[in-house]
């Protein structure tokens, strides 16, 4: 028997016919006319080469073939029902679920810590697995092994989904006594020693061998477009070091303003923020996820929750 040639609706009709053992009762139950149900029974008899239901006095009885089909039919239709039924809505108050989120330490502190506090207090079954960008590959995100990556992204696969969380301008963070705060110009900026922060992205970062500006990120690319190059004295990979490096030193960190404000607010160190004395395009912080996760009710809930904490 070629399954492509079978009207699978007939199997639904057969299940009801075997339960009701009456063409008229089955027709009423399925909201069909009696003639339509009689025609369906005829087609079923042809399909299985068996009468399936035979009249015995005033009732209809199942044939041996029909009795053998009944449990198989029930199992088949239960599977079909499960396949075609849409997944239930995600209910965070009752489920046990772990979300894996990739973010750097600044994004964890400024965005995810408040989010996690709220989630843990309200939904005991929800767990959050925080992963550093250096521990994640693009392939893991693509295959749904990581739910969401939060960072600044360029050149991501077109199939990925992306949503902007916020946009931010750059600023200069330095000791409060630094000359940049009173002489805010490009010459003062270029004369100073600078801190370079790690680039965004996935996987471990190779040792910096080629220190050409176009290889170093947004700040150095923007300076190169103006014909400038800054004096980078420290190559840093951790935002938590910035406050200690800048305090009572001549170092300048050029950072997104939200990150600079977070650093200033998290320390008692005498730090101050000034504008950047050259044109630079604002950055966008986004969350990125695989198309495999896009229609998951749990994942949809996670994305909506994160948006409320921006």
C-alpha atoms as a PDB file:
ATOM      1  CA  UNK A   1       0.000   0.000   0.000  1.00  0.00           C
ATOM      2  CA  UNK A   2       1.373   3.399  -1.023  1.00  0.00           C
ATOM      3  CA  UNK A   3       0.789   5.830   1.856  1.00  0.00           C
ATOM      4  CA  UNK A   4       0.762   8.778  -0.556  1.00  0.00           C
ATOM      5  CA  UNK A   5      -2.394   7.376  -2.113  1.00  0.00           C
ATOM      6  CA  UNK A   6      -4.197   7.030   1.220  1.00  0.00           C
ATOM      7  CA  UNK A   7      -6.546   9.733   2.516  1.00  0.00           C
ATOM      8  CA  UNK A   8      -5.444   9.799   6.143  1.00  0.00           C
ATOM      9  CA  UNK A   9      -8.772  11.327   7.154  1.00  0.00           C
ATOM     10  CA  UNK A  10     -10.210   7.867   6.498  1.00  0.00           C
ATOM     11  CA  UNK A  11      -8.266   6.564   9.504  1.00  0.00           C
ATOM     12  CA  UNK A  12      -9.959   9.149  11.720  1.00  0.00           C
ATOM     13  CA  UNK A  13     -13.327   8.047  10.335  1.00  0.00           C
ATOM     14  CA  UNK A  14     -12.442   4.394  10.922  1.00  0.00           C
ATOM     15  CA  UNK A  15     -11.570   4.999  14.567  1.00  0.00           C
ATOM     16  CA  UNK A  16     -14.928   6.659  15.195  1.00  0.00           C
ATOM     17  CA  UNK A  17     -16.814   3.966  13.247  1.00  0.00           C
ATOM     18  CA  UNK A  18     -15.193   1.226  15.312  1.00  0.00           C
ATOM     19  CA  UNK A  19     -16.029   3.064  18.544  1.00  0.00           C
ATOM     20  CA  UNK A  20     -19.635   3.875  17.614  1.00  0.00           C
ATOM     21  CA  UNK A  21     -20.357   0.759  15.512  1.00  0.00           C
ATOM     22  CA  UNK A  22     -22.984   2.863  13.757  1.00  0.00           C
ATOM     23  CA  UNK A  23     -22.727   4.826  10.499  1.00  0.00           C
ATOM     24  CA  UNK A  24     -25.300   7.401  11.623  1.00  0.00           C
ATOM     25  CA  UNK A  25     -23.759   7.847  15.110  1.00  0.00           C
ATOM     26  CA  UNK A  26     -20.283   8.215  13.601  1.00  0.00           C
ATOM     27  CA  UNK A  27     -21.619  10.739  11.077  1.00  0.00           C
ATOM     28  CA  UNK A  28     -23.191  12.822  13.864  1.00  0.00           C
ATOM     29  CA  UNK A  29     -20.017  12.734  15.923  1.00  0.00           C
ATOM     30  CA  UNK A  30     -17.884  13.915  13.004  1.00  0.00           C
ATOM     31  CA  UNK A  31     -20.471  16.425  11.719  1.00  0.00           C
ATOM     32  CA  UNK A  32     -20.776  14.585   8.394  1.00  0.00           C
ATOM     33  CA  UNK A  33     -23.820  13.530   6.442  1.00  0.00           C
ATOM     34  CA  UNK A  34     -24.795   9.885   6.668  1.00  0.00           C
ATOM     35  CA  UNK A  35     -24.145   9.408   2.947  1.00  0.00           C
ATOM     36  CA  UNK A  36     -20.627  10.848   3.322  1.00  0.00           C
ATOM     37  CA  UNK A  37     -19.913   8.462   6.180  1.00  0.00           C
ATOM     38  CA  UNK A  38     -21.317   5.525   4.223  1.00  0.00           C
ATOM     39  CA  UNK A  39     -19.039   6.449   1.329  1.00  0.00           C
ATOM     40  CA  UNK A  40     -16.084   6.646   3.738  1.00  0.00           C
ATOM     41  CA  UNK A  41     -16.874   3.156   5.059  1.00  0.00           C
ATOM     42  CA  UNK A  42     -16.978   1.823   1.493  1.00  0.00           C
ATOM     43  CA  UNK A  43     -13.552   3.328   0.765  1.00  0.00           C
ATOM     44  CA  UNK A  44     -12.182   1.870   4.003  1.00  0.00           C
ATOM     45  CA  UNK A  45     -13.458  -1.581   3.071  1.00  0.00           C
ATOM     46  CA  UNK A  46     -11.716  -1.287  -0.289  1.00  0.00           C
ATOM     47  CA  UNK A  47      -8.536  -0.028   1.359  1.00  0.00           C
ATOM     48  CA  UNK A  48      -8.287  -2.896   3.866  1.00  0.00           C
ATOM     49  CA  UNK A  49      -9.952  -5.540   1.688  1.00  0.00           C
ATOM     50  CA  UNK A  50     -12.252  -6.328   4.595  1.00  0.00           C
ATOM     51  CA  UNK A  51     -15.854  -5.392   5.523  1.00  0.00           C
ATOM     52  CA  UNK A  52     -14.620  -4.050   8.922  1.00  0.00           C
ATOM     53  CA  UNK A  53     -18.202  -3.667  10.233  1.00  0.00           C
ATOM     54  CA  UNK A  54     -20.921  -6.263   9.607  1.00  0.00           C
ATOM     55  CA  UNK A  55     -24.539  -6.168  10.637  1.00  0.00           C
ATOM     56  CA  UNK A  56     -25.680  -8.668  13.233  1.00  0.00           C
ATOM     57  CA  UNK A  57     -29.356  -8.200  13.962  1.00  0.00           C
ATOM     58  CA  UNK A  58     -29.936  -4.534  14.876  1.00  0.00           C
ATOM     59  CA  UNK A  59     -26.264  -3.759  15.586  1.00  0.00           C
ATOM     60  CA  UNK A  60     -22.994  -3.729  13.700  1.00  0.00           C
ATOM     61  CA  UNK A  61     -20.075  -5.861  14.818  1.00  0.00           C
ATOM     62  CA  UNK A  62     -16.349  -5.396  14.249  1.00  0.00           C
ATOM     63  CA  UNK A  63     -14.651  -8.020  12.114  1.00  0.00           C
ATOM     64  CA  UNK A  64     -11.523  -9.787  13.273  1.00  0.00           C
ATOM     65  CA  UNK A  65      -9.502  -7.488  11.010  1.00  0.00           C
ATOM     66  CA  UNK A  66     -11.140  -4.402  12.539  1.00  0.00           C
ATOM     67  CA  UNK A  67     -10.438  -5.602  16.089  1.00  0.00           C
ATOM     68  CA  UNK A  68      -6.761  -6.122  15.182  1.00  0.00           C
ATOM     69  CA  UNK A  69      -6.574  -2.654  13.637  1.00  0.00           C
ATOM     70  CA  UNK A  70      -8.158  -0.863  16.579  1.00  0.00           C
ATOM     71  CA  UNK A  71      -5.121  -0.606  18.960  1.00  0.00           C
ATOM     72  CA  UNK A  72      -2.751   0.115  16.059  1.00  0.00           C
ATOM     73  CA  UNK A  73      -5.086   2.796  14.798  1.00  0.00           C
ATOM     74  CA  UNK A  74      -5.344   4.417  18.228  1.00  0.00           C
ATOM     75  CA  UNK A  75      -1.549   4.469  18.583  1.00  0.00           C
ATOM     76  CA  UNK A  76      -1.066   5.926  15.086  1.00  0.00           C
ATOM     77  CA  UNK A  77      -3.596   8.702  15.607  1.00  0.00           C
ATOM     78  CA  UNK A  78      -2.164   9.591  19.017  1.00  0.00           C
ATOM     79  CA  UNK A  79       1.258  10.053  17.412  1.00  0.00           C
ATOM     80  CA  UNK A  80      -0.272  12.103  14.597  1.00  0.00           C
ATOM     81  CA  UNK A  81      -2.094  14.252  17.143  1.00  0.00           C
ATOM     82  CA  UNK A  82       1.129  14.872  19.079  1.00  0.00           C
ATOM     83  CA  UNK A  83       3.002  15.800  15.900  1.00  0.00           C
ATOM     84  CA  UNK A  84       0.386  18.246  14.669  1.00  0.00           C
ATOM     85  CA  UNK A  85      -0.484  19.833  18.008  1.00  0.00           C
ATOM     86  CA  UNK A  86       1.283  23.132  18.589  1.00  0.00           C
ATOM     87  CA  UNK A  87       3.637  23.331  21.555  1.00  0.00           C
ATOM     88  CA  UNK A  88       2.028  24.741  24.675  1.00  0.00           C
ATOM     89  CA  UNK A  89       2.894  28.207  25.883  1.00  0.00           C
ATOM     90  CA  UNK A  90       5.949  28.463  28.089  1.00  0.00           C
ATOM     91  CA  UNK A  91       4.876  28.738  31.731  1.00  0.00           C
ATOM     92  CA  UNK A  92       7.889  29.914  33.766  1.00  0.00           C
ATOM     93  CA  UNK A  93       6.108  29.485  37.096  1.00  0.00           C
ATOM     94  CA  UNK A  94       5.774  25.710  36.672  1.00  0.00           C
ATOM     95  CA  UNK A  95       8.562  24.496  34.368  1.00  0.00           C
ATOM     96  CA  UNK A  96      12.186  23.570  35.026  1.00  0.00           C
ATOM     97  CA  UNK A  97      14.365  25.069  32.310  1.00  0.00           C
ATOM     98  CA  UNK A  98      17.964  26.244  31.852  1.00  0.00           C
ATOM     99  CA  UNK A  99      18.864  29.147  29.560  1.00  0.00           C
ATOM    100  CA  UNK A 100      22.447  29.507  28.305  1.00  0.00           C
ATOM    101  CA  UNK A 101      23.420  33.142  27.648  1.00  0.00           C
ATOM    102  CA  UNK A 102      26.718  34.398  26.250  1.00  0.00           C
ATOM    103  CA  UNK A 103      27.821  37.869  27.390  1.00  0.00           C
ATOM    104  CA  UNK A 104      30.967  39.664  28.510  1.00  0.00           C
ATOM    105  CA  UNK A 105      31.474  40.758  32.118  1.00  0.00           C
ATOM    106  CA  UNK A 106      30.157  44.300  31.553  1.00  0.00           C
ATOM    107  CA  UNK A 107      26.915  43.072  29.991  1.00  0.00           C
ATOM    108  CA  UNK A 108      26.520  40.510  32.757  1.00  0.00           C
ATOM    109  CA  UNK A 109      26.933  43.193  35.439  1.00  0.00           C
ATOM    110  CA  UNK A 110      24.807  45.910  33.828  1.00  0.00           C
ATOM    111  CA  UNK A 111      22.048  43.874  32.165  1.00  0.00           C
ATOM    112  CA  UNK A 112      22.001  40.260  33.267  1.00  0.00           C
ATOM    113  CA  UNK A 113      22.525  40.599  37.027  1.00  0.00           C
ATOM    114  CA  UNK A 114      19.260  42.589  37.482  1.00  0.00           C
ATOM    115  CA  UNK A 115      17.528  40.187  35.082  1.00  0.00           C
ATOM    116  CA  UNK A 116      18.763  37.110  36.946  1.00  0.00           C
ATOM    117  CA  UNK A 117      17.779  38.512  40.346  1.00  0.00           C
ATOM    118  CA  UNK A 118      14.248  39.039  39.101  1.00  0.00           C
ATOM    119  CA  UNK A 119      13.977  35.646  37.385  1.00  0.00           C
ATOM    120  CA  UNK A 120      15.379  33.666  40.328  1.00  0.00           C
ATOM    121  CA  UNK A 121      13.044  35.349  42.809  1.00  0.00           C
ATOM    122  CA  UNK A 122       9.943  34.877  40.657  1.00  0.00           C
ATOM    123  CA  UNK A 123      10.562  31.561  38.851  1.00  0.00           C
ATOM    124  CA  UNK A 124      12.342  28.929  41.005  1.00  0.00           C
ATOM    125  CA  UNK A 125      12.496  26.436  38.143  1.00  0.00           C
ATOM    126  CA  UNK A 126      14.414  28.742  35.795  1.00  0.00           C
ATOM    127  CA  UNK A 127      18.212  28.475  35.774  1.00  0.00           C
ATOM    128  CA  UNK A 128      20.693  30.736  33.953  1.00  0.00           C
ATOM    129  CA  UNK A 129      24.025  29.468  32.623  1.00  0.00           C
ATOM    130  CA  UNK A 130      26.303  32.468  31.903  1.00  0.00           C
ATOM    131  CA  UNK A 131      29.003  31.866  29.304  1.00  0.00           C
ATOM    132  CA  UNK A 132      31.929  34.097  28.381  1.00  0.00           C
ATOM    133  CA  UNK A 133      32.406  34.915  24.661  1.00  0.00           C
ATOM    134  CA  UNK A 134      35.799  33.187  24.657  1.00  0.00           C
ATOM    135  CA  UNK A 135      34.070  29.910  25.561  1.00  0.00           C
ATOM    136  CA  UNK A 136      31.515  29.953  22.731  1.00  0.00           C
ATOM    137  CA  UNK A 137      31.830  29.117  19.054  1.00  0.00           C
ATOM    138  CA  UNK A 138      29.557  30.356  16.302  1.00  0.00           C
ATOM    139  CA  UNK A 139      28.697  26.733  15.558  1.00  0.00           C
ATOM    140  CA  UNK A 140      27.398  26.187  19.106  1.00  0.00           C
ATOM    141  CA  UNK A 141      25.102  29.175  18.775  1.00  0.00           C
ATOM    142  CA  UNK A 142      23.994  28.062  15.322  1.00  0.00           C
ATOM    143  CA  UNK A 143      23.037  24.606  16.616  1.00  0.00           C
ATOM    144  CA  UNK A 144      21.070  26.013  19.559  1.00  0.00           C
ATOM    145  CA  UNK A 145      23.549  24.871  22.219  1.00  0.00           C
ATOM    146  CA  UNK A 146      23.623  28.487  23.388  1.00  0.00           C
ATOM    147  CA  UNK A 147      20.269  30.252  23.582  1.00  0.00           C
ATOM    148  CA  UNK A 148      21.328  33.864  23.082  1.00  0.00           C
ATOM    149  CA  UNK A 149      24.556  35.773  22.528  1.00  0.00           C
ATOM    150  CA  UNK A 150      24.660  39.433  23.636  1.00  0.00           C
ATOM    151  CA  UNK A 151      27.424  41.621  22.240  1.00  0.00           C
ATOM    152  CA  UNK A 152      28.378  43.930  19.366  1.00  0.00           C
ATOM    153  CA  UNK A 153      28.146  41.914  16.166  1.00  0.00           C
ATOM    154  CA  UNK A 154      29.318  42.343  12.590  1.00  0.00           C
ATOM    155  CA  UNK A 155      29.129  39.927   9.666  1.00  0.00           C
ATOM    156  CA  UNK A 156      26.825  37.377  11.256  1.00  0.00           C
ATOM    157  CA  UNK A 157      25.182  34.634   9.123  1.00  0.00           C
ATOM    158  CA  UNK A 158      22.107  35.997   7.345  1.00  0.00           C
ATOM    159  CA  UNK A 159      19.973  33.176   8.766  1.00  0.00           C
ATOM    160  CA  UNK A 160      20.533  34.326  12.360  1.00  0.00           C
ATOM    161  CA  UNK A 161      17.998  36.496  14.140  1.00  0.00           C
ATOM    162  CA  UNK A 162      19.167  39.704  15.771  1.00  0.00           C
ATOM    163  CA  UNK A 163      17.502  42.353  17.907  1.00  0.00           C
ATOM    164  CA  UNK A 164      19.116  45.605  19.064  1.00  0.00           C
ATOM    165  CA  UNK A 165      19.038  46.105  22.833  1.00  0.00           C
ATOM    166  CA  UNK A 166      20.575  49.588  22.934  1.00  0.00           C
ATOM    167  CA  UNK A 167      22.789  52.034  21.066  1.00  0.00           C
ATOM    168  CA  UNK A 168      25.578  53.942  22.772  1.00  0.00           C
ATOM    169  CA  UNK A 169      28.159  56.649  22.118  1.00  0.00           C
ATOM    170  CA  UNK A 170      31.833  56.414  23.002  1.00  0.00           C
ATOM    171  CA  UNK A 171      33.475  58.505  25.726  1.00  0.00           C
ATOM    172  CA  UNK A 172      36.833  58.897  27.479  1.00  0.00           C
ATOM    173  CA  UNK A 173      37.262  57.508  30.977  1.00  0.00           C
ATOM    174  CA  UNK A 174      40.279  58.688  32.967  1.00  0.00           C
ATOM    175  CA  UNK A 175      41.413  59.812  36.388  1.00  0.00           C
ATOM    176  CA  UNK A 176      39.511  62.921  37.506  1.00  0.00           C
ATOM    177  CA  UNK A 177      42.746  64.932  37.407  1.00  0.00           C
ATOM    178  CA  UNK A 178      43.639  63.875  33.886  1.00  0.00           C
ATOM    179  CA  UNK A 179      44.351  66.691  31.446  1.00  0.00           C
ATOM    180  CA  UNK A 180      41.820  65.304  28.928  1.00  0.00           C
ATOM    181  CA  UNK A 181      38.979  66.672  31.087  1.00  0.00           C
ATOM    182  CA  UNK A 182      40.216  70.275  30.844  1.00  0.00           C
ATOM    183  CA  UNK A 183      41.844  70.179  27.409  1.00  0.00           C
ATOM    184  CA  UNK A 184      39.438  68.100  25.372  1.00  0.00           C
ATOM    185  CA  UNK A 185      41.047  68.068  21.931  1.00  0.00           C
ATOM    186  CA  UNK A 186      42.568  65.510  19.586  1.00  0.00           C
ATOM    187  CA  UNK A 187      46.149  66.544  20.373  1.00  0.00           C
ATOM    188  CA  UNK A 188      45.727  65.968  24.098  1.00  0.00           C
ATOM    189  CA  UNK A 189      44.020  62.661  23.346  1.00  0.00           C
ATOM    190  CA  UNK A 190      46.821  61.429  21.062  1.00  0.00           C
ATOM    191  CA  UNK A 191      49.577  62.503  23.461  1.00  0.00           C
ATOM    192  CA  UNK A 192      48.143  60.343  26.244  1.00  0.00           C
ATOM    193  CA  UNK A 193      48.696  56.624  26.855  1.00  0.00           C
ATOM    194  CA  UNK A 194      45.673  54.447  26.117  1.00  0.00           C
ATOM    195  CA  UNK A 195      44.016  51.215  27.198  1.00  0.00           C
ATOM    196  CA  UNK A 196      42.768  48.905  24.451  1.00  0.00           C
ATOM    197  CA  UNK A 197      39.860  46.612  25.297  1.00  0.00           C
ATOM    198  CA  UNK A 198      39.193  43.200  23.771  1.00  0.00           C
ATOM    199  CA  UNK A 199      37.229  42.973  20.587  1.00  0.00           C
ATOM    200  CA  UNK A 200      33.743  41.429  20.524  1.00  0.00           C
ATOM    201  CA  UNK A 201      33.010  38.092  18.931  1.00  0.00           C
ATOM    202  CA  UNK A 202      33.197  34.360  19.510  1.00  0.00           C
ATOM    203  CA  UNK A 203      35.919  31.988  20.590  1.00  0.00           C
ATOM    204  CA  UNK A 204      39.368  32.600  22.021  1.00  0.00           C
ATOM    205  CA  UNK A 205      41.210  35.661  20.793  1.00  0.00           C
ATOM    206  CA  UNK A 206      44.618  35.095  19.219  1.00  0.00           C
ATOM    207  CA  UNK A 207      47.659  36.957  20.536  1.00  0.00           C
ATOM    208  CA  UNK A 208      47.798  40.407  18.940  1.00  0.00           C
ATOM    209  CA  UNK A 209      50.691  40.355  16.512  1.00  0.00           C
ATOM    210  CA  UNK A 210      49.445  42.686  13.804  1.00  0.00           C
ATOM    211  CA  UNK A 211      48.661  45.925  15.611  1.00  0.00           C
ATOM    212  CA  UNK A 212      47.489  47.857  12.563  1.00  0.00           C
ATOM    213  CA  UNK A 213      44.508  50.130  13.441  1.00  0.00           C
ATOM    214  CA  UNK A 214      42.062  48.353  11.125  1.00  0.00           C
ATOM    215  CA  UNK A 215      42.691  45.143  13.096  1.00  0.00           C
ATOM    216  CA  UNK A 216      42.042  46.623  16.527  1.00  0.00           C
ATOM    217  CA  UNK A 217      38.391  47.637  16.470  1.00  0.00           C
ATOM    218  CA  UNK A 218      35.996  50.570  16.191  1.00  0.00           C
ATOM    219  CA  UNK A 219      38.017  53.210  18.066  1.00  0.00           C
ATOM    220  CA  UNK A 220      41.237  52.676  16.149  1.00  0.00           C
ATOM    221  CA  UNK A 221      39.417  52.386  12.837  1.00  0.00           C
ATOM    222  CA  UNK A 222      37.707  55.735  13.473  1.00  0.00           C
ATOM    223  CA  UNK A 223      41.049  57.354  14.319  1.00  0.00           C
ATOM    224  CA  UNK A 224      42.679  55.863  11.229  1.00  0.00           C
ATOM    225  CA  UNK A 225      39.977  57.419   9.043  1.00  0.00           C
ATOM    226  CA  UNK A 226      41.059  60.798  10.437  1.00  0.00           C
ATOM    227  CA  UNK A 227      44.720  60.005   9.785  1.00  0.00           C
ATOM    228  CA  UNK A 228      45.513  59.420  13.487  1.00  0.00           C
ATOM    229  CA  UNK A 229      46.871  56.589  15.586  1.00  0.00           C
ATOM    230  CA  UNK A 230      46.770  56.464  19.373  1.00  0.00           C
ATOM    231  CA  UNK A 231      49.503  55.273  21.707  1.00  0.00           C
ATOM    232  CA  UNK A 232      48.206  52.009  23.192  1.00  0.00           C
ATOM    233  CA  UNK A 233      50.118  51.232  26.376  1.00  0.00           C
ATOM    234  CA  UNK A 234      47.915  48.427  27.754  1.00  0.00           C
ATOM    235  CA  UNK A 235      46.030  45.668  25.945  1.00  0.00           C
ATOM    236  CA  UNK A 236      43.302  44.555  28.348  1.00  0.00           C
ATOM    237  CA  UNK A 237      40.737  41.759  28.145  1.00  0.00           C
ATOM    238  CA  UNK A 238      38.749  42.471  31.311  1.00  0.00           C
ATOM    239  CA  UNK A 239      36.517  45.473  31.958  1.00  0.00           C
ATOM    240  CA  UNK A 240      37.005  45.047  35.698  1.00  0.00           C
ATOM    241  CA  UNK A 241      40.622  46.204  35.341  1.00  0.00           C
ATOM    242  CA  UNK A 242      39.771  49.591  33.847  1.00  0.00           C
ATOM    243  CA  UNK A 243      39.061  51.468  37.098  1.00  0.00           C
ATOM    244  CA  UNK A 244      42.344  50.360  38.714  1.00  0.00           C
ATOM    245  CA  UNK A 245      44.334  51.096  35.556  1.00  0.00           C
ATOM    246  CA  UNK A 246      42.941  54.613  35.167  1.00  0.00           C
ATOM    247  CA  UNK A 247      43.076  55.671  38.813  1.00  0.00           C
ATOM    248  CA  UNK A 248      46.027  57.983  39.559  1.00  0.00           C
ATOM    249  CA  UNK A 249      47.545  57.322  36.147  1.00  0.00           C
ATOM    250  CA  UNK A 250      47.812  59.041  32.767  1.00  0.00           C
ATOM    251  CA  UNK A 251      45.922  56.229  31.009  1.00  0.00           C
ATOM    252  CA  UNK A 252      42.721  56.850  29.042  1.00  0.00           C
ATOM    253  CA  UNK A 253      40.109  54.189  28.267  1.00  0.00           C
ATOM    254  CA  UNK A 254      37.835  54.939  25.293  1.00  0.00           C
ATOM    255  CA  UNK A 255      34.616  53.084  26.071  1.00  0.00           C
ATOM    256  CA  UNK A 256      30.905  53.003  25.334  1.00  0.00           C
ATOM    257  CA  UNK A 257      29.324  55.524  27.702  1.00  0.00           C
ATOM    258  CA  UNK A 258      27.097  52.986  29.401  1.00  0.00           C
ATOM    259  CA  UNK A 259      30.139  50.881  30.273  1.00  0.00           C
ATOM    260  CA  UNK A 260      32.051  53.947  31.537  1.00  0.00           C
ATOM    261  CA  UNK A 261      29.110  54.973  33.727  1.00  0.00           C
ATOM    262  CA  UNK A 262      28.885  51.438  35.094  1.00  0.00           C
ATOM    263  CA  UNK A 263      32.592  51.485  35.997  1.00  0.00           C
ATOM    264  CA  UNK A 264      32.337  54.896  37.698  1.00  0.00           C
ATOM    265  CA  UNK A 265      29.231  53.832  39.614  1.00  0.00           C
ATOM    266  CA  UNK A 266      30.867  50.577  40.778  1.00  0.00           C
ATOM    267  CA  UNK A 267      33.962  52.142  42.367  1.00  0.00           C
ATOM    268  CA  UNK A 268      34.951  54.901  44.776  1.00  0.00           C
ATOM    269  CA  UNK A 269      37.956  55.710  42.617  1.00  0.00           C
ATOM    270  CA  UNK A 270      38.266  59.361  41.480  1.00  0.00           C
ATOM    271  CA  UNK A 271      37.332  58.845  37.829  1.00  0.00           C
ATOM    272  CA  UNK A 272      35.629  61.162  35.354  1.00  0.00           C
ATOM    273  CA  UNK A 273      34.071  60.911  31.904  1.00  0.00           C
ATOM    274  CA  UNK A 274      34.605  63.226  28.935  1.00  0.00           C
ATOM    275  CA  UNK A 275      33.428  63.233  25.334  1.00  0.00           C
ATOM    276  CA  UNK A 276      35.537  61.725  22.560  1.00  0.00           C
ATOM    277  CA  UNK A 277      37.373  64.485  20.613  1.00  0.00           C
ATOM    278  CA  UNK A 278      36.902  62.871  17.182  1.00  0.00           C
ATOM    279  CA  UNK A 279      33.943  61.549  15.185  1.00  0.00           C
ATOM    280  CA  UNK A 280      33.038  57.900  15.779  1.00  0.00           C
ATOM    281  CA  UNK A 281      29.915  55.943  14.920  1.00  0.00           C
ATOM    282  CA  UNK A 282      27.835  54.858  17.961  1.00  0.00           C
ATOM    283  CA  UNK A 283      27.843  51.163  18.768  1.00  0.00           C
ATOM    284  CA  UNK A 284      24.861  48.824  18.892  1.00  0.00           C
ATOM    285  CA  UNK A 285      24.538  46.065  21.478  1.00  0.00           C
ATOM    286  CA  UNK A 286      22.329  43.256  20.213  1.00  0.00           C
ATOM    287  CA  UNK A 287      21.139  39.822  21.133  1.00  0.00           C
ATOM    288  CA  UNK A 288      21.670  37.123  18.523  1.00  0.00           C
ATOM    289  CA  UNK A 289      20.095  33.689  18.235  1.00  0.00           C
ATOM    290  CA  UNK A 290      19.821  30.729  15.907  1.00  0.00           C
ATOM    291  CA  UNK A 291      16.817  30.208  13.615  1.00  0.00           C
ATOM    292  CA  UNK A 292      16.490  26.806  15.310  1.00  0.00           C
ATOM    293  CA  UNK A 293      15.427  28.594  18.509  1.00  0.00           C
ATOM    294  CA  UNK A 294      13.305  31.348  17.006  1.00  0.00           C
ATOM    295  CA  UNK A 295       9.889  29.670  17.324  1.00  0.00           C
ATOM    296  CA  UNK A 296      10.484  28.059  20.719  1.00  0.00           C
ATOM    297  CA  UNK A 297       7.955  29.391  23.274  1.00  0.00           C
ATOM    298  CA  UNK A 298      10.647  29.277  25.982  1.00  0.00           C
ATOM    299  CA  UNK A 299      13.079  31.219  23.832  1.00  0.00           C
ATOM    300  CA  UNK A 300      10.442  33.772  22.875  1.00  0.00           C
ATOM    301  CA  UNK A 301       9.732  34.312  26.585  1.00  0.00           C
ATOM    302  CA  UNK A 302      13.448  34.803  27.285  1.00  0.00           C
ATOM    303  CA  UNK A 303      13.817  37.433  24.555  1.00  0.00           C
ATOM    304  CA  UNK A 304      10.822  39.417  25.796  1.00  0.00           C
ATOM    305  CA  UNK A 305      12.107  39.307  29.376  1.00  0.00           C
ATOM    306  CA  UNK A 306      15.558  40.565  28.379  1.00  0.00           C
ATOM    307  CA  UNK A 307      14.050  43.477  26.488  1.00  0.00           C
ATOM    308  CA  UNK A 308      12.354  44.688  29.663  1.00  0.00           C
ATOM    309  CA  UNK A 309      15.721  45.043  31.444  1.00  0.00           C
ATOM    310  CA  UNK A 310      17.415  47.257  28.862  1.00  0.00           C
END
